[in-house]
Amino acid sequence: MTNSNWNKFRLYTVFSLLPTLFFVGSIARAAAPPATSTRWVASWGAAQQIPEPQNALTPDDLDHAVIRQLVHLSIGGPSLRIRVSNAFGVAPLRIDSVHVARAISPATSAIDPTTDHVVLFAGQDSVTIPAGAEYISDPVDMVAAPLSTLAVTLSIPDAPIQQTGHPGSRATTYIAHLVPASAPEMPHAHTVEHWYFLAGVDVAAPAQTASIVAFGDSITDGHAATTNGNDRWPDDLAARLQVNPATRSLGVVNVGIGGNHLLTDGLGPNALARFDRDVLARPGAKYLLVLEAINDLGALSRMPGATAAEHTELVARLIAAYQQIILRAHSAGLIVYGATLTPYVGSDYYHPDAASEADRQALNAWIRTPGHFDAVLDFDRAVRDPAHPDSMIPAFDSGDHLHPSPAGYKAIADSIPLNLFMR
């Protein structure tokens, strides 16, 4: 066949196939699933770490254990899914079963048995999570109400070599043996105030729904809050958002870790090291609230003879860390609000001097400067004593001159302008 005839043949073949190609393309478009009007959004979460020895369970506690943990949701939805973590495990973690139900009260192990659901993973009621990994469950067809308390129960056959959890739960966890995960109540259970292996609860929600991630240290985690009271400042913020019709589609996820640092590992990984897992991995995250650095300042104040140059260098490094958080959050499409550091002169632990207070003021001045964070949450102004600005108002002080009281946490939450979340 000549080149001329060959080219004619190719053109004829292409044009003769066009109707078929168009027909097949039409079928493919018709078969494509319709765009969904809902998505998964984080309603509750906890930052994961290696529990300190005094907060870890013993091997006997975890051997053939049933662990019931209570979590307080922010937003609700018609279905949910559970996140289970082996982030700091050094071997696979096997879980024989997971159940979720509505808790009768934040202060009891009792559940409403009519709401009990088996949680499946890839259609199975057991799951083995690789070391360093987190698993998300299949959807659970269970209505979760806003601001409600869920009981999530894990059945663990063997104690792991290294545990993953969140020590600062401010909620009672129930540990029992020889009972099913569906038990209506666990009256003889051993109790602790820590969470283990439980990283989050997501809910199905309308497409416009989103989450606020509260990223910080013990002041965000809720040290000195009421056990089972759900009165940390992120809890109080979630309650405010639910009252306002314009903001009740926003969840709040608390990923504070007590003792957390921006620059160094303390209790849990440093803030920059845990940023991707604790912030960016939260489904539906739209806003990030940052309250970090008080422990970095305090650590230097505990070093005798710290020089002026060391104070200057620390402030510069902390500002650089803030810039990294802003950069990474913006790259992921998040809006970032910076919270000013609250007063802590007189702290029974850090004993800050005038140089440390000057460092706090320097950081707060940078946080307040326009063009750094997308907006400022002035927690310092919300709780400081006008007569003694380096200290908290006594009613807002838990007594250690570092952590707010429940009244102080409420003042912090009340100081946050809700119109910041209408962007």
Protein backbone atom coordinates (compact mmCIF):
# COMPACT_ATOMS: atom_id res chain seq x y z
CA MET A 1 0.00 0.00 0.00
CA THR A 2 1.38 3.42 -0.92
CA ASN A 3 1.89 6.10 1.72
CA SER A 4 -0.98 8.10 0.20
CA ASN A 5 -3.39 5.15 0.37
CA TRP A 6 -2.21 4.30 3.89
CA ASN A 7 -2.96 7.81 5.13
CA LYS A 8 -6.43 7.66 3.56
CA PHE A 9 -7.06 4.34 5.33
CA ARG A 10 -6.04 5.77 8.70
CA LEU A 11 -8.33 8.76 8.30
CA TYR A 12 -11.23 6.51 7.26
CA THR A 13 -10.67 4.27 10.31
CA VAL A 14 -10.57 7.17 12.78
CA PHE A 15 -13.72 8.82 11.43
CA SER A 16 -15.58 5.52 11.22
CA LEU A 17 -14.84 4.88 14.91
CA LEU A 18 -15.94 8.31 16.17
CA PRO A 19 -19.61 7.32 16.73
CA THR A 20 -18.49 4.28 18.73
CA LEU A 21 -16.04 6.29 20.80
CA PHE A 22 -18.70 8.91 21.49
CA PHE A 23 -21.19 6.19 22.53
CA VAL A 24 -18.69 4.52 24.89
CA GLY A 25 -17.76 7.88 26.40
CA SER A 26 -21.43 8.63 26.99
CA ILE A 27 -21.87 5.32 28.82
CA ALA A 28 -18.81 6.04 30.97
CA ARG A 29 -20.19 9.45 31.89
CA ALA A 30 -23.60 8.03 32.65
CA ALA A 31 -22.08 5.31 34.83
CA ALA A 32 -19.95 7.74 36.87
CA PRO A 33 -21.21 8.05 40.46
CA PRO A 34 -23.04 11.28 41.23
CA ALA A 35 -21.17 13.93 43.21
CA THR A 36 -21.81 13.45 46.91
CA SER A 37 -23.27 16.25 49.03
CA THR A 38 -21.65 14.99 52.25
CA ARG A 39 -18.12 14.42 53.43
CA TRP A 40 -16.26 13.17 56.49
CA VAL A 41 -15.40 15.81 59.07
CA ALA A 42 -13.49 15.41 62.33
CA SER A 43 -15.78 15.83 65.34
CA TRP A 44 -13.43 14.65 68.09
CA GLY A 45 -9.76 13.81 68.26
CA ALA A 46 -6.77 13.39 70.52
CA ALA A 47 -3.07 13.84 69.77
CA GLN A 48 -1.12 10.60 70.15
CA GLN A 49 2.13 10.03 72.02
CA ILE A 50 3.99 7.40 74.02
CA PRO A 51 2.42 7.40 77.50
CA GLU A 52 4.92 8.17 80.24
CA PRO A 53 5.61 5.24 82.60
CA GLN A 54 3.23 6.59 85.25
CA ASN A 55 0.47 6.94 82.62
CA ALA A 56 0.99 3.62 80.82
CA LEU A 57 -1.04 0.50 81.53
CA THR A 58 0.71 -2.58 82.88
CA PRO A 59 0.95 -5.72 80.71
CA ASP A 60 -1.60 -7.37 83.02
CA ASP A 61 -3.99 -4.44 82.51
CA LEU A 62 -3.83 -4.89 78.74
CA ASP A 63 -3.73 -8.67 78.49
CA HIS A 64 -7.17 -9.80 77.21
CA ALA A 65 -8.46 -6.36 78.13
CA VAL A 66 -11.66 -4.55 77.29
CA ILE A 67 -11.14 -0.76 77.34
CA ARG A 68 -14.15 1.57 77.32
CA GLN A 69 -13.31 5.22 76.60
CA LEU A 70 -15.64 8.20 76.63
CA VAL A 71 -15.31 10.99 74.08
CA HIS A 72 -17.29 14.21 73.74
CA LEU A 73 -18.24 15.12 70.18
CA SER A 74 -18.46 18.63 68.80
CA ILE A 75 -20.62 18.31 65.66
CA GLY A 76 -22.96 15.42 64.88
CA GLY A 77 -24.00 13.44 61.85
CA PRO A 78 -26.09 10.51 60.57
CA SER A 79 -23.09 8.15 60.56
CA LEU A 80 -19.59 8.05 61.96
CA ARG A 81 -16.26 6.29 61.77
CA ILE A 82 -13.56 5.60 64.35
CA ARG A 83 -9.80 6.19 64.08
CA VAL A 84 -7.58 3.75 65.95
CA SER A 85 -3.86 4.42 66.31
CA ASN A 86 -0.69 2.40 66.66
CA ALA A 87 1.41 5.45 65.80
CA PHE A 88 4.09 4.73 68.40
CA GLY A 89 3.83 0.95 68.43
CA VAL A 90 6.91 -1.09 67.53
CA ALA A 91 4.92 -4.16 66.48
CA PRO A 92 1.49 -4.78 64.92
CA LEU A 93 -1.45 -4.07 67.25
CA ARG A 94 -4.33 -6.56 67.13
CA ILE A 95 -7.80 -5.52 68.20
CA ASP A 96 -10.38 -8.29 68.36
CA SER A 97 -13.43 -6.04 68.33
CA VAL A 98 -14.52 -2.42 68.55
CA HIS A 99 -17.95 -1.22 69.66
CA VAL A 100 -19.45 2.26 69.81
CA ALA A 101 -22.57 3.36 71.67
CA ARG A 102 -24.15 6.38 73.28
CA ALA A 103 -22.86 6.85 76.82
CA ILE A 104 -25.45 7.28 79.53
CA SER A 105 -23.32 9.90 81.27
CA PRO A 106 -19.77 11.27 80.95
CA ALA A 107 -19.09 9.88 84.43
CA THR A 108 -20.17 6.25 84.12
CA SER A 109 -19.28 3.18 82.06
CA ALA A 110 -22.96 2.53 81.31
CA ILE A 111 -24.15 2.71 77.69
CA ASP A 112 -27.53 2.71 76.06
CA PRO A 113 -27.47 -0.90 74.73
CA THR A 114 -30.04 -0.06 72.05
CA THR A 115 -27.43 2.19 70.43
CA ASP A 116 -24.55 -0.31 70.54
CA HIS A 117 -22.91 -0.93 67.15
CA VAL A 118 -20.09 -3.18 66.04
CA VAL A 119 -17.34 -1.22 64.30
CA LEU A 120 -15.89 -2.98 61.25
CA PHE A 121 -12.62 -2.57 59.39
CA ALA A 122 -12.75 -3.67 55.74
CA GLY A 123 -15.87 -5.63 56.65
CA GLN A 124 -14.19 -7.50 59.52
CA ASP A 125 -14.80 -7.09 63.24
CA SER A 126 -11.10 -7.52 64.07
CA VAL A 127 -8.15 -5.53 62.80
CA THR A 128 -4.35 -5.67 62.98
CA ILE A 129 -2.72 -2.25 62.70
CA PRO A 130 0.93 -2.12 61.56
CA ALA A 131 3.52 -0.41 63.74
CA GLY A 132 3.44 3.35 63.22
CA ALA A 133 0.05 3.31 61.48
CA GLU A 134 -3.49 4.49 62.07
CA TYR A 135 -6.62 2.76 60.77
CA ILE A 136 -9.97 4.30 59.91
CA SER A 137 -13.04 2.13 60.40
CA ASP A 138 -15.82 1.43 57.95
CA PRO A 139 -18.77 3.83 58.27
CA VAL A 140 -21.07 3.05 61.21
CA ASP A 141 -24.74 3.71 60.55
CA MET A 142 -25.37 5.45 63.86
CA VAL A 143 -26.76 8.91 64.46
CA ALA A 144 -24.33 10.99 66.53
CA ALA A 145 -25.80 14.10 68.14
CA PRO A 146 -23.79 17.32 68.51
CA LEU A 147 -22.08 17.68 71.92
CA SER A 148 -23.00 14.11 72.82
CA THR A 149 -20.76 11.60 74.61
CA LEU A 150 -19.85 8.33 72.92
CA ALA A 151 -18.43 5.21 74.53
CA VAL A 152 -15.85 3.51 72.30
CA THR A 153 -14.87 0.05 73.54
CA LEU A 154 -11.80 -1.85 72.34
CA SER A 155 -11.15 -5.54 72.98
CA ILE A 156 -7.39 -6.18 72.98
CA PRO A 157 -6.09 -9.78 73.21
CA ASP A 158 -2.41 -9.10 73.93
CA ALA A 159 -0.54 -6.27 75.58
CA PRO A 160 1.60 -4.39 73.04
CA ILE A 161 5.29 -3.86 73.71
CA GLN A 162 4.85 -0.10 73.42
CA GLN A 163 1.59 1.75 73.87
CA THR A 164 0.12 4.66 71.94
CA GLY A 165 -2.26 7.00 73.68
CA HIS A 166 -3.14 10.37 75.14
CA PRO A 167 -2.46 10.77 78.87
CA GLY A 168 -4.40 14.01 79.42
CA SER A 169 -7.91 12.75 78.75
CA ARG A 170 -9.66 14.54 81.64
CA ALA A 171 -12.14 11.69 81.16
CA THR A 172 -12.54 8.36 82.91
CA THR A 173 -11.54 5.21 81.03
CA TYR A 174 -12.80 1.79 82.17
CA ILE A 175 -10.64 -1.33 81.88
CA ALA A 176 -12.07 -4.80 82.49
CA HIS A 177 -11.48 -8.45 81.67
CA LEU A 178 -13.78 -11.34 80.84
CA VAL A 179 -16.57 -9.06 79.60
CA PRO A 180 -17.73 -8.46 76.03
CA ALA A 181 -17.14 -5.13 74.33
CA SER A 182 -20.92 -4.78 74.13
CA ALA A 183 -21.40 -4.99 77.92
CA PRO A 184 -24.12 -2.53 79.01
CA GLU A 185 -22.01 -1.58 82.01
CA MET A 186 -18.60 -2.39 83.52
CA PRO A 187 -19.20 -1.91 87.26
CA HIS A 188 -16.02 -3.65 88.50
CA ALA A 189 -13.68 -2.09 85.98
CA HIS A 190 -10.34 -0.54 86.85
CA THR A 191 -10.42 3.19 86.04
CA VAL A 192 -7.79 5.64 84.80
CA GLU A 193 -7.88 9.14 83.35
CA HIS A 194 -6.09 8.46 80.06
CA TRP A 195 -7.02 7.42 76.53
CA TYR A 196 -5.32 4.58 74.66
CA PHE A 197 -5.14 3.78 70.91
CA LEU A 198 -8.10 6.08 70.15
CA ALA A 199 -7.24 8.95 67.81
CA GLY A 200 -10.48 10.34 66.44
CA VAL A 201 -14.17 10.21 65.56
CA ASP A 202 -15.33 11.56 62.20
CA VAL A 203 -18.94 12.19 61.23
CA ALA A 204 -20.68 12.35 57.88
CA ALA A 205 -21.77 15.94 57.37
CA PRO A 206 -22.96 18.34 54.66
CA ALA A 207 -20.33 19.56 52.24
CA GLN A 208 -20.12 23.01 53.86
CA THR A 209 -19.25 21.53 57.26
CA ALA A 210 -15.67 21.93 58.51
CA SER A 211 -13.49 21.57 61.59
CA ILE A 212 -11.39 23.86 63.75
CA VAL A 213 -8.18 22.27 65.01
CA ALA A 214 -6.92 23.53 68.38
CA PHE A 215 -3.15 22.91 68.44
CA GLY A 216 -1.24 23.49 71.64
CA ASP A 217 0.11 22.36 74.97
CA SER A 218 -1.46 21.66 78.37
CA ILE A 219 -3.51 24.86 78.31
CA THR A 220 -5.26 23.54 75.20
CA ASP A 221 -5.22 19.95 76.46
CA GLY A 222 -7.08 21.20 79.52
CA HIS A 223 -4.85 20.78 82.58
CA ALA A 224 -6.95 21.74 85.64
CA ALA A 225 -10.22 21.26 83.75
CA THR A 226 -12.92 19.21 85.47
CA THR A 227 -12.64 15.44 85.02
CA ASN A 228 -15.60 14.36 82.86
CA GLY A 229 -16.74 18.00 82.80
CA ASN A 230 -15.76 18.80 79.20
CA ASP A 231 -14.82 22.34 80.20
CA ARG A 232 -11.51 22.82 78.41
CA TRP A 233 -11.48 25.96 76.27
CA PRO A 234 -11.94 23.98 73.00
CA ASP A 235 -15.02 22.32 74.59
CA ASP A 236 -16.41 25.71 75.56
CA LEU A 237 -15.75 26.98 72.04
CA ALA A 238 -17.59 23.99 70.54
CA ALA A 239 -20.58 24.72 72.76
CA ARG A 240 -20.60 28.38 71.66
CA LEU A 241 -20.48 27.37 68.02
CA GLN A 242 -23.48 25.08 68.44
CA VAL A 243 -25.60 27.86 69.96
CA ASN A 244 -25.00 30.16 66.98
CA PRO A 245 -26.94 29.03 63.86
CA ALA A 246 -24.27 30.58 61.64
CA THR A 247 -21.48 28.42 63.12
CA ARG A 248 -23.09 25.19 64.27
CA SER A 249 -21.71 23.38 61.22
CA LEU A 250 -18.18 23.72 62.64
CA GLY A 251 -16.51 20.99 64.68
CA VAL A 252 -13.64 21.48 67.13
CA VAL A 253 -10.82 18.97 67.52
CA ASN A 254 -8.46 19.33 70.49
CA VAL A 255 -4.92 18.19 69.66
CA GLY A 256 -3.18 19.74 72.66
CA ILE A 257 -0.51 17.75 74.49
CA GLY A 258 0.46 18.60 78.05
CA GLY A 259 4.09 19.68 78.26
CA ASN A 260 4.41 20.07 74.50
CA HIS A 261 7.20 22.21 73.04
CA LEU A 262 7.62 23.90 69.68
CA LEU A 263 11.32 23.18 69.37
CA THR A 264 12.13 20.08 71.39
CA ASP A 265 10.49 16.80 72.30
CA GLY A 266 9.02 16.93 75.78
CA LEU A 267 5.84 15.10 76.68
CA GLY A 268 5.07 13.92 73.18
CA PRO A 269 6.81 14.90 69.94
CA ASN A 270 7.58 18.57 69.33
CA ALA A 271 4.86 20.55 67.62
CA LEU A 272 6.52 20.67 64.22
CA ALA A 273 7.19 16.92 64.24
CA ARG A 274 3.55 16.04 64.97
CA PHE A 275 1.97 18.69 62.76
CA ASP A 276 1.07 16.49 59.79
CA ARG A 277 -0.52 13.70 61.84
CA ASP A 278 -2.32 15.87 64.39
CA VAL A 279 -3.43 18.75 62.15
CA LEU A 280 -3.28 18.08 58.43
CA ALA A 281 -4.66 14.54 58.68
CA ARG A 282 -7.92 15.70 60.30
CA PRO A 283 -10.68 15.41 57.69
CA GLY A 284 -12.52 18.62 56.97
CA ALA A 285 -9.98 20.81 58.77
CA LYS A 286 -10.38 24.43 57.70
CA TYR A 287 -9.16 26.55 60.61
CA LEU A 288 -6.08 26.12 62.81
CA LEU A 289 -5.75 27.77 66.24
CA VAL A 290 -2.17 27.81 67.56
CA LEU A 291 -1.26 28.24 71.24
CA GLU A 292 2.31 26.99 71.68
CA ALA A 293 5.68 28.10 73.16
CA ILE A 294 5.05 28.64 76.87
CA ASN A 295 6.92 25.43 77.69
CA ASP A 296 9.85 26.47 75.50
CA LEU A 297 10.06 29.76 77.41
CA GLY A 298 9.68 28.03 80.75
CA ALA A 299 12.39 25.48 80.00
CA LEU A 300 14.92 28.28 79.54
CA SER A 301 13.72 29.97 82.73
CA ARG A 302 14.61 26.80 84.63
CA MET A 303 18.22 27.01 83.42
CA PRO A 304 20.28 29.02 85.90
CA GLY A 305 22.34 31.77 84.40
CA ALA A 306 20.70 31.91 80.96
CA THR A 307 22.27 34.78 79.06
CA ALA A 308 20.57 37.63 77.21
CA ALA A 309 21.88 36.16 73.97
CA GLU A 310 20.23 32.82 74.76
CA HIS A 311 16.91 34.56 75.37
CA THR A 312 17.20 36.47 72.10
CA GLU A 313 18.07 33.32 70.18
CA LEU A 314 15.14 31.40 71.70
CA VAL A 315 12.62 34.06 70.72
CA ALA A 316 14.00 34.11 67.17
CA ARG A 317 13.79 30.32 66.87
CA LEU A 318 10.24 30.28 68.22
CA ILE A 319 9.17 32.91 65.70
CA ALA A 320 10.75 30.82 62.94
CA ALA A 321 8.75 27.82 64.18
CA TYR A 322 5.54 29.87 64.05
CA GLN A 323 6.42 30.80 60.47
CA GLN A 324 6.87 27.15 59.60
CA ILE A 325 3.44 26.30 61.01
CA ILE A 326 1.83 29.14 59.08
CA LEU A 327 3.59 28.12 55.86
CA ARG A 328 2.63 24.45 56.14
CA ALA A 329 -0.96 25.25 57.11
CA HIS A 330 -1.40 27.72 54.26
CA SER A 331 0.08 25.20 51.82
CA ALA A 332 -2.71 22.82 52.87
CA GLY A 333 -5.39 25.51 52.48
CA LEU A 334 -5.95 26.13 56.20
CA ILE A 335 -6.70 29.51 57.77
CA VAL A 336 -4.36 30.03 60.74
CA TYR A 337 -5.10 32.06 63.87
CA GLY A 338 -2.38 32.72 66.44
CA ALA A 339 -3.20 32.87 70.16
CA THR A 340 -1.18 35.12 72.44
CA LEU A 341 0.61 33.40 75.32
CA THR A 342 -1.12 33.72 78.67
CA PRO A 343 0.65 35.08 81.79
CA TYR A 344 2.66 32.72 83.98
CA VAL A 345 4.71 34.83 86.38
CA GLY A 346 4.63 33.09 89.74
CA SER A 347 4.41 29.65 88.15
CA ASP A 348 5.19 27.01 90.75
CA TYR A 349 7.01 24.95 88.12
CA TYR A 350 8.86 27.39 85.88
CA HIS A 351 9.49 30.33 88.24
CA PRO A 352 9.93 32.74 85.30
CA ASP A 353 12.05 35.83 85.83
CA ALA A 354 11.88 39.25 84.18
CA ALA A 355 13.81 38.03 81.15
CA SER A 356 11.35 35.20 80.58
CA GLU A 357 8.41 37.59 80.87
CA ALA A 358 10.12 39.85 78.33
CA ASP A 359 10.38 36.84 75.97
CA ARG A 360 6.64 36.23 76.32
CA GLN A 361 5.89 39.85 75.58
CA ALA A 362 8.17 39.75 72.52
CA LEU A 363 6.39 36.68 71.15
CA ASN A 364 2.98 38.20 71.82
CA ALA A 365 4.03 41.38 70.02
CA TRP A 366 5.00 39.30 66.98
CA ILE A 367 1.76 37.30 67.11
CA ARG A 368 -0.27 40.53 67.28
CA THR A 369 1.57 42.10 64.32
CA PRO A 370 -0.62 42.06 61.19
CA GLY A 371 0.66 39.99 58.31
CA HIS A 372 1.90 37.04 60.36
CA PHE A 373 -1.10 34.95 61.41
CA ASP A 374 -4.38 35.39 59.53
CA ALA A 375 -5.88 36.83 62.73
CA VAL A 376 -5.06 37.05 66.43
CA LEU A 377 -6.84 35.37 69.34
CA ASP A 378 -5.85 37.48 72.33
CA PHE A 379 -5.95 34.91 75.11
CA ASP A 380 -3.46 37.01 77.10
CA ARG A 381 -5.89 39.91 77.21
CA ALA A 382 -8.77 37.59 78.12
CA VAL A 383 -7.23 36.29 81.36
CA ARG A 384 -4.56 38.75 82.51
CA ASP A 385 -5.02 40.83 85.63
CA PRO A 386 -5.23 44.52 84.59
CA ALA A 387 -3.45 45.49 87.81
CA HIS A 388 -0.72 42.87 87.28
CA PRO A 389 -0.51 42.07 83.53
CA ASP A 390 2.16 39.42 84.08
CA SER A 391 -0.34 37.34 86.10
CA MET A 392 -3.81 35.90 85.59
CA ILE A 393 -6.94 37.26 87.23
CA PRO A 394 -7.15 35.17 90.44
CA ALA A 395 -10.55 33.71 89.53
CA PHE A 396 -9.11 32.56 86.20
CA ASP A 397 -6.02 30.96 87.80
CA SER A 398 -6.14 27.24 88.66
CA GLY A 399 -3.76 27.95 91.51
CA ASP A 400 -0.46 27.05 89.88
CA HIS A 401 -0.20 30.44 88.12
CA LEU A 402 0.31 28.71 84.78
CA HIS A 403 -2.92 26.88 83.88
CA PRO A 404 -6.31 28.58 83.81
CA SER A 405 -9.19 27.37 85.93
CA PRO A 406 -12.44 26.20 84.29
CA ALA A 407 -13.62 29.82 84.60
CA GLY A 408 -10.41 30.93 82.90
CA TYR A 409 -10.92 28.42 80.08
CA LYS A 410 -14.43 29.74 79.57
CA ALA A 411 -13.11 33.31 79.44
CA ILE A 412 -10.62 32.22 76.76
CA ALA A 413 -13.34 30.56 74.69
CA ASP A 414 -15.67 33.54 75.10
CA SER A 415 -12.94 35.88 73.86
CA ILE A 416 -12.77 34.21 70.44
CA PRO A 417 -14.75 36.21 67.83
CA LEU A 418 -17.07 33.76 66.09
CA ASN A 419 -17.10 35.86 62.94
CA LEU A 420 -13.57 34.57 62.30
CA PHE A 421 -15.19 31.28 61.38
CA MET A 422 -17.60 32.73 58.85
CA ARG A 423 -14.96 33.24 56.15
